[in-house]
Protein backbone atom coordinates (compact mmCIF):
# COMPACT_ATOMS: atom_id res chain seq x y z
CA MET A 1 -12.37 25.79 11.39
CA ALA A 2 -15.71 27.54 11.90
CA GLU A 3 -18.82 25.45 12.42
CA PRO A 4 -21.17 25.40 9.45
CA ILE A 5 -24.13 27.74 9.66
CA ILE A 6 -27.40 25.85 10.06
CA ARG A 7 -30.06 27.34 7.82
CA GLU A 8 -33.52 28.25 9.05
CA SER A 9 -34.99 25.95 6.41
CA LYS A 10 -33.15 22.95 7.94
CA VAL A 11 -34.55 23.70 11.41
CA GLU A 12 -38.03 24.17 9.93
CA LYS A 13 -37.90 20.97 7.86
CA ARG A 14 -36.79 18.77 10.75
CA CYS A 15 -39.39 20.23 13.10
CA CYS A 16 -42.24 19.94 10.60
CA GLU A 17 -41.38 16.32 9.79
CA TYR A 18 -41.33 15.51 13.51
CA ALA A 19 -44.71 17.20 14.06
CA GLN A 20 -46.29 15.39 11.11
CA GLY A 21 -45.00 12.10 12.48
CA ARG A 22 -46.83 12.86 15.73
CA GLY A 23 -50.11 13.51 13.96
CA TRP A 24 -50.01 17.29 13.59
CA TRP A 25 -51.41 18.85 10.41
CA VAL A 26 -48.67 21.22 9.24
CA SER A 27 -48.92 23.98 6.65
CA LYS A 28 -47.14 27.13 5.55
CA PHE A 29 -48.97 30.14 7.01
CA THR A 30 -49.69 33.25 5.00
CA ALA A 31 -51.93 36.20 5.73
CA PRO A 32 -52.37 38.46 2.71
CA GLY A 33 -52.00 42.09 3.69
CA LYS A 34 -50.18 41.23 6.93
CA LYS A 35 -46.41 41.22 7.28
CA ALA A 36 -44.26 39.36 9.81
CA VAL A 37 -46.67 36.48 10.43
CA PRO A 38 -45.31 33.13 11.70
CA ASP A 39 -43.95 30.61 9.18
CA ARG A 40 -46.13 27.61 9.99
CA VAL A 41 -49.48 26.65 11.45
CA LEU A 42 -49.87 23.27 13.20
CA ILE A 43 -53.24 21.74 14.08
CA ARG A 44 -54.06 18.64 16.09
CA GLY A 45 -57.08 17.72 18.20
CA GLY A 46 -58.55 21.21 18.02
CA ILE A 47 -55.31 22.88 19.10
CA VAL A 48 -53.80 25.45 16.74
CA LEU A 49 -50.16 26.54 17.04
CA PHE A 50 -48.33 29.22 15.08
CA ILE A 51 -44.56 28.82 14.84
CA GLU A 52 -41.87 31.22 13.63
CA PHE A 53 -38.63 29.43 12.75
CA LYS A 54 -35.19 31.01 13.05
CA ARG A 55 -31.72 29.65 12.50
CA PRO A 56 -29.82 28.83 15.71
CA GLY A 57 -28.95 31.96 17.68
CA GLU A 58 -31.23 34.23 15.69
CA GLU A 59 -34.34 35.96 17.09
CA PRO A 60 -37.45 37.39 15.44
CA THR A 61 -37.41 40.95 14.17
CA ALA A 62 -39.11 43.72 16.13
CA GLN A 63 -41.99 43.56 13.65
CA GLN A 64 -42.34 39.79 14.18
CA TYR A 65 -42.31 40.21 17.98
CA HIS A 66 -45.05 42.82 17.60
CA ARG A 67 -47.14 40.50 15.39
CA HIS A 68 -46.74 37.63 17.88
CA LYS A 69 -47.89 39.89 20.71
CA GLU A 70 -50.88 40.99 18.64
CA MET A 71 -51.80 37.37 17.87
CA ARG A 72 -51.45 36.30 21.53
CA LYS A 73 -53.73 39.17 22.54
CA ALA A 74 -56.32 37.68 20.17
CA GLY A 75 -55.93 34.28 21.88
CA ALA A 76 -53.47 32.51 19.57
CA ASN A 77 -50.76 30.07 20.64
CA VAL A 78 -47.71 31.55 18.94
CA THR A 79 -43.98 31.15 19.54
CA TRP A 80 -40.63 31.14 17.79
CA VAL A 81 -37.94 28.48 17.88
CA ASP A 82 -34.34 28.30 16.71
CA ASN A 83 -33.67 24.63 17.45
CA PHE A 84 -35.33 21.22 17.38
CA ALA A 85 -35.28 20.60 21.16
CA ASP A 86 -37.25 23.77 21.94
CA PHE A 87 -39.75 22.97 19.20
CA LYS A 88 -40.22 19.42 20.47
CA ASN A 89 -40.78 20.59 24.05
CA TYR A 90 -43.25 23.24 22.90
CA ILE A 91 -45.52 20.95 20.90
CA ILE A 92 -45.36 18.09 23.42
CA ALA A 93 -46.77 20.51 26.01
CA PHE A 94 -49.94 20.67 23.87
CA GLU A 95 -50.34 16.92 23.32
């Protein structure tokens, strides 16, 4: 029997609930006129993180990788995660 596919929304929900429980302000991120921006923005203590969520085993599209690179060049903290453990380790590094 094949393992059930974990949806991106499940990964995102668990991670966002964890971050909120640790005092992060979490919101959906949109940028009108810009495609392939990260899903969420997290803010805590003056630190701003942009996170792209993917389902386990999936990676960002070429356009998303390009947007992340563009944002990093401008000084943003931006990453993508496909599982809770990686997300947890990423945000703890900024606490």
